[in-house]
Amino acid sequence: MRLSELAFACFLYAQFTDYDDSYLSFLQATNYRPDFVNPEHRRALLIWLNQWGCRQFAIEYHELASSEVLSWYNQFNSTLFDRDKNLWELTEAEINSVALAYEALSNKTASFRKRKENTYSVSVGPTGAAKILFAIRRNALIPWDDPRREHYGYDGSGASYLSYLHGVKSILEKLEDACNRNGFKLTQLPEQLGRDNSTVPKLIDEYHWITITKGWPLPPEHIFQKWAQWSEI
C-alpha cells in the first residue's frame, strides 16, 4: 500500500459514504473516551453500530445487548493495553491479549429472532466484536467485515483477527517509513489526509472498505505519477 493509494482511497471514502456522521456522533456522545460502564455510552454505541450496518443489534433488544456489552466490558477492558497506544507500538503480548476478549465478545448475545415457531439467539459475531473493540481502542484495533475475511481467507476466530492485526501492523510499519521520508510522522497521517477524526487504523479500514468491501479499483502508480506531473503545469 502506497501513501498515494491510501490518500486516494480515503478521499473516495469521505466523498461516497456518510458513515463518519454517525461515527462522529458516537465520539461526541462519549467525549472521545468511551466507558461502557456508563449506560449512555452503551446506548450511543448501539445506535452507532446500527448505523454502521450491524443488524444483529435489533432495536427491540438494545437493553439486552447493552447488558451483554457491560458484562463483557467489566471482565475484559482491564485486560487490554492502554487506550492511547498505537497498533505499531503494541508488544506481541499486548496483541495476543485481544484474542480472548474478541472471542468472548463475539459470542455474546446481541438479540433474538424468530423463525416460524422457533426463537433463536443472535450473537454479536466477528464484525460486531471488531467494531466494539475499535470503539474502545481506536488507535490500535480495526473493524472488519465479511468481504474482508473472505478476501484474506479468515474464519472470524480470535486467531484470525490477530492475524489481521499483524497484517495491518506490517502495513503501518511500511507506511511509517514513507511518512518519515516525506517529512511527517505516522501519527500525523490523518491530518495530512484531511481525516482529522480518523485514527491511523481507521485510515486502513477506509482503504479496505473502498478496495475490498466495495471492490473499487485504484489507479496504478504510473497514473498517480502522471497526475502529479499535470498538477505542476
C-alpha atoms as a PDB file:
ATOM      1  CA  MET A   1       0.000   0.000   0.000  1.00  0.00           C
ATOM      2  CA  ARG A   2       1.498   3.323  -1.107  1.00  0.00           C
ATOM      3  CA  LEU A   3       0.735   6.663   0.508  1.00  0.00           C
ATOM      4  CA  SER A   4      -0.804   7.840  -2.756  1.00  0.00           C
ATOM      5  CA  GLU A   5      -3.148   4.826  -2.833  1.00  0.00           C
ATOM      6  CA  LEU A   6      -4.170   5.313   0.779  1.00  0.00           C
ATOM      7  CA  ALA A   7      -4.768   9.025   0.228  1.00  0.00           C
ATOM      8  CA  PHE A   8      -6.937   8.407  -2.829  1.00  0.00           C
ATOM      9  CA  ALA A   9      -8.974   5.663  -1.125  1.00  0.00           C
ATOM     10  CA  CYS A  10      -9.590   7.802   1.955  1.00  0.00           C
ATOM     11  CA  PHE A  11     -10.652  10.683  -0.272  1.00  0.00           C
ATOM     12  CA  LEU A  12     -13.171   8.413  -2.020  1.00  0.00           C
ATOM     13  CA  TYR A  13     -14.406   7.100   1.335  1.00  0.00           C
ATOM     14  CA  ALA A  14     -15.104  10.643   2.513  1.00  0.00           C
ATOM     15  CA  GLN A  15     -16.976  11.506  -0.692  1.00  0.00           C
ATOM     16  CA  PHE A  16     -19.138   8.416  -1.077  1.00  0.00           C
ATOM     17  CA  THR A  17     -20.157   7.440   2.461  1.00  0.00           C
ATOM     18  CA  ASP A  18     -21.992   9.095   5.318  1.00  0.00           C
ATOM     19  CA  TYR A  19     -20.653   6.638   7.897  1.00  0.00           C
ATOM     20  CA  ASP A  20     -18.478   9.281   9.504  1.00  0.00           C
ATOM     21  CA  ASP A  21     -21.519  11.326  10.524  1.00  0.00           C
ATOM     22  CA  SER A  22     -22.727   8.543  12.818  1.00  0.00           C
ATOM     23  CA  TYR A  23     -19.203   7.770  13.982  1.00  0.00           C
ATOM     24  CA  LEU A  24     -18.588  11.409  14.891  1.00  0.00           C
ATOM     25  CA  SER A  25     -21.887  11.452  16.799  1.00  0.00           C
ATOM     26  CA  PHE A  26     -20.682   8.424  18.770  1.00  0.00           C
ATOM     27  CA  LEU A  27     -17.344  10.082  19.538  1.00  0.00           C
ATOM     28  CA  GLN A  28     -19.039  13.256  20.686  1.00  0.00           C
ATOM     29  CA  ALA A  29     -21.596  11.380  22.810  1.00  0.00           C
ATOM     30  CA  THR A  30     -18.762   9.555  24.593  1.00  0.00           C
ATOM     31  CA  ASN A  31     -16.387  12.533  24.791  1.00  0.00           C
ATOM     32  CA  TYR A  32     -13.948  10.572  22.624  1.00  0.00           C
ATOM     33  CA  ARG A  33     -13.318   8.261  25.634  1.00  0.00           C
ATOM     34  CA  PRO A  34     -15.985   5.525  25.612  1.00  0.00           C
ATOM     35  CA  ASP A  35     -16.629   3.972  29.008  1.00  0.00           C
ATOM     36  CA  PHE A  36     -19.235   1.251  28.758  1.00  0.00           C
ATOM     37  CA  VAL A  37     -19.912   1.314  32.474  1.00  0.00           C
ATOM     38  CA  ASN A  38     -21.849   4.448  31.519  1.00  0.00           C
ATOM     39  CA  PRO A  39     -25.280   3.377  30.157  1.00  0.00           C
ATOM     40  CA  GLU A  40     -25.448   6.436  27.895  1.00  0.00           C
ATOM     41  CA  HIS A  41     -22.176   5.407  26.277  1.00  0.00           C
ATOM     42  CA  ARG A  42     -23.567   1.920  25.643  1.00  0.00           C
ATOM     43  CA  ARG A  43     -26.699   3.464  24.180  1.00  0.00           C
ATOM     44  CA  ALA A  44     -24.570   5.615  21.851  1.00  0.00           C
ATOM     45  CA  LEU A  45     -22.569   2.530  20.899  1.00  0.00           C
ATOM     46  CA  LEU A  46     -25.619   0.539  19.838  1.00  0.00           C
ATOM     47  CA  ILE A  47     -27.053   3.440  17.853  1.00  0.00           C
ATOM     48  CA  TRP A  48     -23.741   3.826  16.040  1.00  0.00           C
ATOM     49  CA  LEU A  49     -23.449   0.080  15.385  1.00  0.00           C
ATOM     50  CA  ASN A  50     -26.927   0.050  13.835  1.00  0.00           C
ATOM     51  CA  GLN A  51     -25.972   2.981  11.629  1.00  0.00           C
ATOM     52  CA  TRP A  52     -22.779   1.167  10.637  1.00  0.00           C
ATOM     53  CA  GLY A  53     -24.821  -1.751   9.330  1.00  0.00           C
ATOM     54  CA  CYS A  54     -24.823  -4.128  12.324  1.00  0.00           C
ATOM     55  CA  ARG A  55     -28.338  -5.537  12.013  1.00  0.00           C
ATOM     56  CA  GLN A  56     -27.742  -8.145  14.726  1.00  0.00           C
ATOM     57  CA  PHE A  57     -28.346  -5.405  17.313  1.00  0.00           C
ATOM     58  CA  ALA A  58     -32.123  -5.264  16.819  1.00  0.00           C
ATOM     59  CA  ILE A  59     -33.551  -2.118  18.391  1.00  0.00           C
ATOM     60  CA  GLU A  60     -36.103  -4.010  20.475  1.00  0.00           C
ATOM     61  CA  TYR A  61     -33.222  -5.908  22.118  1.00  0.00           C
ATOM     62  CA  HIS A  62     -30.923  -2.954  22.790  1.00  0.00           C
ATOM     63  CA  GLU A  63     -31.408  -3.333  26.541  1.00  0.00           C
ATOM     64  CA  LEU A  64     -30.276  -6.955  26.349  1.00  0.00           C
ATOM     65  CA  ALA A  65     -27.303  -6.106  24.132  1.00  0.00           C
ATOM     66  CA  SER A  66     -26.347  -3.252  26.455  1.00  0.00           C
ATOM     67  CA  SER A  67     -26.305  -5.643  29.410  1.00  0.00           C
ATOM     68  CA  GLU A  68     -24.185  -8.132  27.461  1.00  0.00           C
ATOM     69  CA  VAL A  69     -21.680  -5.430  26.489  1.00  0.00           C
ATOM     70  CA  LEU A  70     -21.462  -4.239  30.079  1.00  0.00           C
ATOM     71  CA  SER A  71     -20.812  -7.762  31.354  1.00  0.00           C
ATOM     72  CA  TRP A  72     -18.072  -8.243  28.768  1.00  0.00           C
ATOM     73  CA  TYR A  73     -16.549  -4.798  29.380  1.00  0.00           C
ATOM     74  CA  ASN A  74     -16.326  -5.326  33.131  1.00  0.00           C
ATOM     75  CA  GLN A  75     -14.454  -8.572  32.563  1.00  0.00           C
ATOM     76  CA  PHE A  76     -12.116  -7.699  29.702  1.00  0.00           C
ATOM     77  CA  ASN A  77     -11.492  -3.956  29.410  1.00  0.00           C
ATOM     78  CA  SER A  78      -8.814  -4.034  32.110  1.00  0.00           C
ATOM     79  CA  THR A  79      -7.042  -6.931  30.361  1.00  0.00           C
ATOM     80  CA  LEU A  80      -6.349  -4.813  27.275  1.00  0.00           C
ATOM     81  CA  PHE A  81      -3.499  -2.366  26.732  1.00  0.00           C
ATOM     82  CA  ASP A  82      -3.786   1.372  27.363  1.00  0.00           C
ATOM     83  CA  ARG A  83      -6.344   3.006  25.092  1.00  0.00           C
ATOM     84  CA  ASP A  84      -3.877   5.605  23.789  1.00  0.00           C
ATOM     85  CA  LYS A  85      -1.346   3.094  22.433  1.00  0.00           C
ATOM     86  CA  ASN A  86      -0.974   2.815  18.685  1.00  0.00           C
ATOM     87  CA  LEU A  87      -1.059  -0.515  16.867  1.00  0.00           C
ATOM     88  CA  TRP A  88       2.558  -0.282  15.739  1.00  0.00           C
ATOM     89  CA  GLU A  89       3.609   0.289  19.373  1.00  0.00           C
ATOM     90  CA  LEU A  90       1.986  -2.868  20.738  1.00  0.00           C
ATOM     91  CA  THR A  91       4.064  -5.739  22.013  1.00  0.00           C
ATOM     92  CA  GLU A  92       3.318  -9.291  20.984  1.00  0.00           C
ATOM     93  CA  ALA A  93       1.779  -9.944  24.417  1.00  0.00           C
ATOM     94  CA  GLU A  94      -0.481  -6.891  24.069  1.00  0.00           C
ATOM     95  CA  ILE A  95      -1.700  -8.014  20.651  1.00  0.00           C
ATOM     96  CA  ASN A  96      -2.283 -11.527  21.954  1.00  0.00           C
ATOM     97  CA  SER A  97      -4.402 -10.127  24.800  1.00  0.00           C
ATOM     98  CA  VAL A  98      -7.017  -9.163  22.220  1.00  0.00           C
ATOM     99  CA  ALA A  99      -7.877 -12.724  21.150  1.00  0.00           C
ATOM    100  CA  LEU A 100      -9.678 -13.835  24.309  1.00  0.00           C
ATOM    101  CA  ALA A 101     -11.560 -10.544  24.636  1.00  0.00           C
ATOM    102  CA  TYR A 102     -12.586 -10.735  20.966  1.00  0.00           C
ATOM    103  CA  GLU A 103     -13.799 -14.340  21.222  1.00  0.00           C
ATOM    104  CA  ALA A 104     -15.828 -13.646  24.375  1.00  0.00           C
ATOM    105  CA  LEU A 105     -17.417 -10.554  22.857  1.00  0.00           C
ATOM    106  CA  SER A 106     -18.175 -12.282  19.565  1.00  0.00           C
ATOM    107  CA  ASN A 107     -20.129 -14.956  21.461  1.00  0.00           C
ATOM    108  CA  LYS A 108     -22.226 -12.516  23.480  1.00  0.00           C
ATOM    109  CA  THR A 109     -25.938 -12.275  22.645  1.00  0.00           C
ATOM    110  CA  ALA A 110     -26.984  -9.288  20.550  1.00  0.00           C
ATOM    111  CA  SER A 111     -30.675 -10.134  20.110  1.00  0.00           C
ATOM    112  CA  PHE A 112     -33.207 -12.885  19.452  1.00  0.00           C
ATOM    113  CA  ARG A 113     -35.006 -13.740  16.237  1.00  0.00           C
ATOM    114  CA  LYS A 114     -37.964 -15.909  15.393  1.00  0.00           C
ATOM    115  CA  ARG A 115     -38.155 -18.373  12.542  1.00  0.00           C
ATOM    116  CA  LYS A 116     -41.608 -19.850  12.228  1.00  0.00           C
ATOM    117  CA  GLU A 117     -42.350 -21.030  15.779  1.00  0.00           C
ATOM    118  CA  ASN A 118     -38.729 -21.181  16.937  1.00  0.00           C
ATOM    119  CA  THR A 119     -36.791 -18.455  18.720  1.00  0.00           C
ATOM    120  CA  TYR A 120     -33.002 -18.387  18.499  1.00  0.00           C
ATOM    121  CA  SER A 121     -30.273 -16.107  19.794  1.00  0.00           C
ATOM    122  CA  VAL A 122     -28.162 -13.911  17.533  1.00  0.00           C
ATOM    123  CA  SER A 123     -24.577 -13.366  18.620  1.00  0.00           C
ATOM    124  CA  VAL A 124     -22.526 -10.173  18.422  1.00  0.00           C
ATOM    125  CA  GLY A 125     -20.386 -12.001  15.871  1.00  0.00           C
ATOM    126  CA  PRO A 126     -16.983 -11.239  14.325  1.00  0.00           C
ATOM    127  CA  THR A 127     -17.950  -7.942  12.695  1.00  0.00           C
ATOM    128  CA  GLY A 128     -19.728  -6.597  15.779  1.00  0.00           C
ATOM    129  CA  ALA A 129     -16.898  -7.656  18.082  1.00  0.00           C
ATOM    130  CA  ALA A 130     -14.234  -5.946  15.977  1.00  0.00           C
ATOM    131  CA  LYS A 131     -16.257  -2.729  15.765  1.00  0.00           C
ATOM    132  CA  ILE A 132     -16.792  -2.630  19.532  1.00  0.00           C
ATOM    133  CA  LEU A 133     -13.095  -3.272  20.148  1.00  0.00           C
ATOM    134  CA  PHE A 134     -12.286  -0.488  17.702  1.00  0.00           C
ATOM    135  CA  ALA A 135     -14.655   1.769  19.639  1.00  0.00           C
ATOM    136  CA  ILE A 136     -12.646   1.416  22.861  1.00  0.00           C
ATOM    137  CA  ARG A 137      -9.140   1.080  21.366  1.00  0.00           C
ATOM    138  CA  ARG A 138      -9.406   3.130  18.190  1.00  0.00           C
ATOM    139  CA  ASN A 139      -5.677   3.872  17.931  1.00  0.00           C
ATOM    140  CA  ALA A 140      -4.780   0.203  17.725  1.00  0.00           C
ATOM    141  CA  LEU A 141      -7.707  -2.026  16.776  1.00  0.00           C
ATOM    142  CA  ILE A 142      -9.573  -2.061  13.493  1.00  0.00           C
ATOM    143  CA  PRO A 143     -13.009  -3.115  12.227  1.00  0.00           C
ATOM    144  CA  TRP A 144     -13.504  -5.798   9.620  1.00  0.00           C
ATOM    145  CA  ASP A 145     -16.402  -7.338   7.725  1.00  0.00           C
ATOM    146  CA  ASP A 146     -17.405 -10.442   5.760  1.00  0.00           C
ATOM    147  CA  PRO A 147     -15.848  -9.329   2.436  1.00  0.00           C
ATOM    148  CA  ARG A 148     -12.525  -8.677   4.156  1.00  0.00           C
ATOM    149  CA  ARG A 149     -12.500 -12.026   5.920  1.00  0.00           C
ATOM    150  CA  GLU A 150     -13.358 -13.785   2.673  1.00  0.00           C
ATOM    151  CA  HIS A 151     -10.690 -11.827   0.798  1.00  0.00           C
ATOM    152  CA  TYR A 152      -7.946 -12.814   3.242  1.00  0.00           C
ATOM    153  CA  GLY A 153      -9.263 -16.295   3.988  1.00  0.00           C
ATOM    154  CA  TYR A 154     -10.041 -15.609   7.648  1.00  0.00           C
ATOM    155  CA  ASP A 155     -12.659 -17.599   9.548  1.00  0.00           C
ATOM    156  CA  GLY A 156     -13.656 -14.897  12.042  1.00  0.00           C
ATOM    157  CA  SER A 157     -11.986 -16.554  15.037  1.00  0.00           C
ATOM    158  CA  GLY A 158      -9.847 -14.731  17.570  1.00  0.00           C
ATOM    159  CA  ALA A 159      -6.720 -16.216  15.988  1.00  0.00           C
ATOM    160  CA  SER A 160      -7.718 -14.918  12.563  1.00  0.00           C
ATOM    161  CA  TYR A 161      -8.411 -11.449  13.961  1.00  0.00           C
ATOM    162  CA  LEU A 162      -4.902 -11.444  15.433  1.00  0.00           C
ATOM    163  CA  SER A 163      -3.563 -12.382  12.003  1.00  0.00           C
ATOM    164  CA  TYR A 164      -5.436  -9.431  10.547  1.00  0.00           C
ATOM    165  CA  LEU A 165      -3.954  -7.118  13.191  1.00  0.00           C
ATOM    166  CA  HIS A 166      -0.466  -8.386  12.402  1.00  0.00           C
ATOM    167  CA  GLY A 167      -1.093  -7.742   8.713  1.00  0.00           C
ATOM    168  CA  VAL A 168      -2.276  -4.189   9.371  1.00  0.00           C
ATOM    169  CA  LYS A 169       0.673  -3.595  11.696  1.00  0.00           C
ATOM    170  CA  SER A 170       3.018  -4.661   8.912  1.00  0.00           C
ATOM    171  CA  ILE A 171       1.336  -2.220   6.529  1.00  0.00           C
ATOM    172  CA  LEU A 172       1.699   0.592   9.062  1.00  0.00           C
ATOM    173  CA  GLU A 173       5.398  -0.109   9.600  1.00  0.00           C
ATOM    174  CA  LYS A 174       5.965   0.394   5.870  1.00  0.00           C
ATOM    175  CA  LEU A 175       3.787   3.498   5.813  1.00  0.00           C
ATOM    176  CA  GLU A 176       5.714   4.890   8.774  1.00  0.00           C
ATOM    177  CA  ASP A 177       8.881   4.804   6.686  1.00  0.00           C
ATOM    178  CA  ALA A 178       7.104   6.524   3.795  1.00  0.00           C
ATOM    179  CA  CYS A 179       5.749   9.212   6.125  1.00  0.00           C
ATOM    180  CA  ASN A 180       9.200   9.845   7.577  1.00  0.00           C
ATOM    181  CA  ARG A 181      10.686  10.188   4.100  1.00  0.00           C
ATOM    182  CA  ASN A 182       8.008  12.755   3.296  1.00  0.00           C
ATOM    183  CA  GLY A 183       8.753  14.839   6.380  1.00  0.00           C
ATOM    184  CA  PHE A 184       5.988  13.941   8.824  1.00  0.00           C
ATOM    185  CA  LYS A 185       5.198  11.284  11.418  1.00  0.00           C
ATOM    186  CA  LEU A 186       2.801   8.399  11.015  1.00  0.00           C
ATOM    187  CA  THR A 187       0.668   9.836  13.827  1.00  0.00           C
ATOM    188  CA  GLN A 188       0.194  12.950  11.664  1.00  0.00           C
ATOM    189  CA  LEU A 189      -1.142  10.966   8.701  1.00  0.00           C
ATOM    190  CA  PRO A 190      -4.869  11.564   9.421  1.00  0.00           C
ATOM    191  CA  GLU A 191      -4.225  15.308   9.497  1.00  0.00           C
ATOM    192  CA  GLN A 192      -2.149  15.115   6.317  1.00  0.00           C
ATOM    193  CA  LEU A 193      -5.045  13.365   4.549  1.00  0.00           C
ATOM    194  CA  GLY A 194      -7.702  15.723   5.897  1.00  0.00           C
ATOM    195  CA  ARG A 195      -9.193  12.927   8.021  1.00  0.00           C
ATOM    196  CA  ASP A 196      -8.846  14.521  11.455  1.00  0.00           C
ATOM    197  CA  ASN A 197     -11.476  12.305  13.130  1.00  0.00           C
ATOM    198  CA  SER A 198      -9.880   9.129  11.813  1.00  0.00           C
ATOM    199  CA  THR A 199      -7.127   7.281  13.620  1.00  0.00           C
ATOM    200  CA  VAL A 200      -4.365   5.621  11.643  1.00  0.00           C
ATOM    201  CA  PRO A 201      -6.021   2.149  11.831  1.00  0.00           C
ATOM    202  CA  LYS A 202      -9.287   3.701  10.652  1.00  0.00           C
ATOM    203  CA  LEU A 203      -7.496   5.017   7.566  1.00  0.00           C
ATOM    204  CA  ILE A 204      -6.580   1.417   6.746  1.00  0.00           C
ATOM    205  CA  ASP A 205     -10.209   0.450   7.362  1.00  0.00           C
ATOM    206  CA  GLU A 206     -11.314   3.153   4.924  1.00  0.00           C
ATOM    207  CA  TYR A 207      -8.845   1.861   2.328  1.00  0.00           C
ATOM    208  CA  HIS A 208     -10.096  -1.702   2.768  1.00  0.00           C
ATOM    209  CA  TRP A 209     -13.735  -0.578   2.632  1.00  0.00           C
ATOM    210  CA  ILE A 210     -13.103   1.070  -0.732  1.00  0.00           C
ATOM    211  CA  THR A 211     -10.898  -1.617  -2.277  1.00  0.00           C
ATOM    212  CA  ILE A 212     -12.305  -4.830  -0.736  1.00  0.00           C
ATOM    213  CA  THR A 213     -15.788  -4.237   0.690  1.00  0.00           C
ATOM    214  CA  LYS A 214     -16.889  -2.150  -2.299  1.00  0.00           C
ATOM    215  CA  GLY A 215     -14.383  -3.643  -4.746  1.00  0.00           C
ATOM    216  CA  TRP A 216     -13.467  -0.315  -6.325  1.00  0.00           C
ATOM    217  CA  PRO A 217     -10.056  -0.460  -8.080  1.00  0.00           C
ATOM    218  CA  LEU A 218      -7.465   2.251  -7.532  1.00  0.00           C
ATOM    219  CA  PRO A 219      -5.369   3.780 -10.308  1.00  0.00           C
ATOM    220  CA  PRO A 220      -1.935   2.191 -10.866  1.00  0.00           C
ATOM    221  CA  GLU A 221       1.122   4.096  -9.694  1.00  0.00           C
ATOM    222  CA  HIS A 222       2.002   5.487 -13.125  1.00  0.00           C
ATOM    223  CA  ILE A 223      -1.390   7.234 -13.216  1.00  0.00           C
ATOM    224  CA  PHE A 224      -0.687   8.902  -9.881  1.00  0.00           C
ATOM    225  CA  GLN A 225       2.678   9.999 -11.237  1.00  0.00           C
ATOM    226  CA  LYS A 226       1.060  11.423 -14.368  1.00  0.00           C
ATOM    227  CA  TRP A 227      -1.461  13.359 -12.276  1.00  0.00           C
ATOM    228  CA  ALA A 228       1.360  14.720 -10.130  1.00  0.00           C
ATOM    229  CA  GLN A 229       3.114  15.956 -13.278  1.00  0.00           C
ATOM    230  CA  TRP A 230      -0.084  17.557 -14.543  1.00  0.00           C
ATOM    231  CA  SER A 231      -0.554  19.389 -11.244  1.00  0.00           C
ATOM    232  CA  GLU A 232       2.751  21.201 -11.818  1.00  0.00           C
ATOM    233  CA  ILE A 233       1.770  22.555 -15.233  1.00  0.00           C
END
